[in-house]
């Protein structure tokens, strides 16, 4: 049984179990709703490509940037549901990317990935209002769990 849905692309509505073709339409609608637009920022091309492949296989739209300056240009041009940025990059750091995004869009979730781990100052982390920090090395499962967490919050 399914809730009332558009029946096979027509304007009429039906309730209850749907035929095979209608079920595909229903699944497609659900998949579009669950798709995130993710901006991945990292100066390491390998990490960018791995995350792009992972998130695209999960059905998300992925945009890549190799540095903080370019990432901010992309962010203010496009609409994103989630930003994942490396902390330590030449030029504009992940902290600064987060700060500038949160100044203008405090509701936007920002995840920082960092190889610095224990070197992070707890007070600085709280003050930054970053939504989540993932230590390097990270697993692909960790990254998927984070996207799922923010996908559930995404209206």
Protein backbone atom coordinates (compact mmCIF):
# COMPACT_ATOMS: atom_id res chain seq x y z
CA UNK A 1 0.00 0.00 0.00
CA UNK A 2 1.10 3.52 -0.78
CA UNK A 3 -0.27 6.90 0.12
CA UNK A 4 -2.27 8.81 -2.45
CA UNK A 5 0.04 9.56 -5.35
CA UNK A 6 -0.19 10.72 -8.92
CA UNK A 7 -1.25 7.66 -10.90
CA UNK A 8 1.16 6.76 -13.71
CA UNK A 9 1.80 10.37 -14.68
CA UNK A 10 -1.89 11.16 -15.29
CA UNK A 11 -3.87 13.75 -13.36
CA UNK A 12 -6.25 11.19 -11.86
CA UNK A 13 -5.46 9.96 -8.35
CA UNK A 14 -5.71 6.44 -6.98
CA UNK A 15 -5.14 5.03 -3.53
CA UNK A 16 -3.77 1.67 -2.53
CA UNK A 17 -1.42 -0.73 -4.24
CA UNK A 18 -0.06 0.53 -7.50
CA UNK A 19 0.74 -1.27 -10.69
CA UNK A 20 4.35 -1.94 -11.66
CA UNK A 21 4.75 1.19 -13.82
CA UNK A 22 3.27 3.38 -11.11
CA UNK A 23 5.63 1.99 -8.51
CA UNK A 24 8.61 3.12 -10.61
CA UNK A 25 7.15 6.62 -10.80
CA UNK A 26 6.66 6.66 -7.04
CA UNK A 27 10.26 5.57 -6.42
CA UNK A 28 11.55 8.21 -8.81
CA UNK A 29 9.67 10.95 -6.93
CA UNK A 30 11.15 9.72 -3.63
CA UNK A 31 14.68 9.65 -5.06
CA UNK A 32 14.44 13.24 -6.31
CA UNK A 33 13.29 14.39 -2.88
CA UNK A 34 16.24 12.69 -1.15
CA UNK A 35 18.95 14.10 -3.43
CA UNK A 36 21.37 16.58 -1.83
CA UNK A 37 23.42 19.22 -3.60
CA UNK A 38 26.86 18.86 -2.02
CA UNK A 39 29.88 21.13 -2.37
CA UNK A 40 33.14 19.26 -1.70
CA UNK A 41 36.23 21.40 -1.03
CA UNK A 42 39.68 19.82 -0.74
CA UNK A 43 43.07 20.62 -2.18
CA UNK A 44 43.73 16.88 -2.61
CA UNK A 45 42.31 15.84 -5.98
CA UNK A 46 42.15 12.15 -4.97
CA UNK A 47 39.91 12.92 -2.00
CA UNK A 48 37.68 15.16 -4.13
CA UNK A 49 37.26 12.43 -6.74
CA UNK A 50 36.60 9.67 -4.17
CA UNK A 51 33.93 11.76 -2.44
CA UNK A 52 32.41 12.77 -5.76
CA UNK A 53 32.10 9.14 -6.84
CA UNK A 54 30.72 8.07 -3.45
CA UNK A 55 28.08 10.80 -3.27
CA UNK A 56 27.06 10.48 -6.92
CA UNK A 57 26.58 6.71 -6.50
CA UNK A 58 24.24 7.62 -3.63
CA UNK A 59 22.22 9.82 -5.98
CA UNK A 60 23.48 13.22 -4.85
CA UNK A 61 24.57 16.12 -7.03
CA UNK A 62 28.22 16.97 -6.35
CA UNK A 63 30.22 20.11 -7.06
CA UNK A 64 34.00 20.17 -6.54
CA UNK A 65 36.48 22.85 -5.58
CA UNK A 66 40.23 22.60 -5.03
CA UNK A 67 40.52 25.64 -2.75
CA UNK A 68 38.58 27.85 -0.37
CA UNK A 69 38.44 30.94 -2.57
CA UNK A 70 36.92 29.07 -5.50
CA UNK A 71 34.55 27.23 -3.12
CA UNK A 72 33.14 30.50 -1.80
CA UNK A 73 32.62 31.80 -5.35
CA UNK A 74 30.71 28.61 -6.22
CA UNK A 75 28.75 28.66 -2.96
CA UNK A 76 27.48 32.20 -3.46
CA UNK A 77 26.52 31.45 -7.09
CA UNK A 78 24.72 28.15 -6.49
CA UNK A 79 22.38 26.63 -3.91
CA UNK A 80 23.73 23.80 -1.72
CA UNK A 81 22.29 21.54 0.96
CA UNK A 82 25.64 20.51 2.43
CA UNK A 83 29.23 21.75 2.31
CA UNK A 84 32.13 19.40 3.09
CA UNK A 85 35.51 21.11 3.33
CA UNK A 86 39.03 20.14 4.25
CA UNK A 87 40.43 22.13 7.17
CA UNK A 88 44.03 22.68 6.09
CA UNK A 89 44.28 24.14 2.61
CA UNK A 90 46.58 26.75 1.10
CA UNK A 91 45.03 30.22 1.06
CA UNK A 92 41.57 30.21 2.62
CA UNK A 93 41.28 27.45 5.24
CA UNK A 94 38.24 25.32 5.98
CA UNK A 95 37.64 27.43 9.12
CA UNK A 96 37.42 30.54 6.97
CA UNK A 97 35.16 28.84 4.41
CA UNK A 98 32.87 27.83 7.27
CA UNK A 99 32.95 31.31 8.84
CA UNK A 100 32.00 33.09 5.61
CA UNK A 101 29.22 30.63 4.83
CA UNK A 102 27.79 30.84 8.36
CA UNK A 103 27.91 34.68 8.32
CA UNK A 104 25.49 34.74 5.40
CA UNK A 105 23.68 31.40 5.76
CA UNK A 106 23.86 30.17 9.38
CA UNK A 107 21.41 27.37 8.60
CA UNK A 108 23.69 25.74 5.99
CA UNK A 109 25.41 22.63 7.34
CA UNK A 110 29.18 22.62 7.04
CA UNK A 111 31.28 19.51 7.69
CA UNK A 112 35.04 19.82 8.13
CA UNK A 113 37.37 16.94 7.41
CA UNK A 114 40.70 17.21 9.19
CA UNK A 115 43.92 15.30 9.59
CA UNK A 116 44.77 17.45 12.62
CA UNK A 117 42.49 15.55 15.02
CA UNK A 118 43.63 16.14 18.61
CA UNK A 119 45.20 19.48 17.66
CA UNK A 120 41.77 21.08 17.25
CA UNK A 121 40.89 23.56 19.99
CA UNK A 122 37.50 22.63 21.47
CA UNK A 123 36.58 26.28 22.13
CA UNK A 124 37.46 27.24 18.55
CA UNK A 125 35.31 24.37 17.25
CA UNK A 126 32.30 25.53 19.31
CA UNK A 127 32.80 29.18 18.33
CA UNK A 128 33.03 28.28 14.64
CA UNK A 129 29.51 26.77 14.64
CA UNK A 130 30.77 24.04 12.32
CA UNK A 131 28.16 21.29 12.20
CA UNK A 132 30.40 18.24 12.21
CA UNK A 133 34.10 17.33 12.12
CA UNK A 134 35.35 14.11 10.57
CA UNK A 135 38.95 13.11 11.32
CA UNK A 136 41.24 11.79 8.60
CA UNK A 137 41.63 9.08 7.70
CA UNK A 138 37.87 8.64 7.34
CA UNK A 139 35.88 5.70 6.03
CA UNK A 140 33.41 5.92 3.17
CA UNK A 141 30.77 4.68 5.58
CA UNK A 142 31.43 7.68 7.85
CA UNK A 143 30.90 10.03 4.94
CA UNK A 144 27.65 8.33 3.93
CA UNK A 145 26.41 8.46 7.52
CA UNK A 146 27.05 12.20 7.64
CA UNK A 147 25.20 12.85 4.38
CA UNK A 148 22.30 10.73 5.63
CA UNK A 149 22.22 12.70 8.87
CA UNK A 150 21.89 16.01 7.03
CA UNK A 151 19.58 14.57 4.38
CA UNK A 152 17.08 13.75 7.15
CA UNK A 153 17.19 17.40 8.31
CA UNK A 154 16.79 18.69 4.76
CA UNK A 155 13.14 19.72 4.21
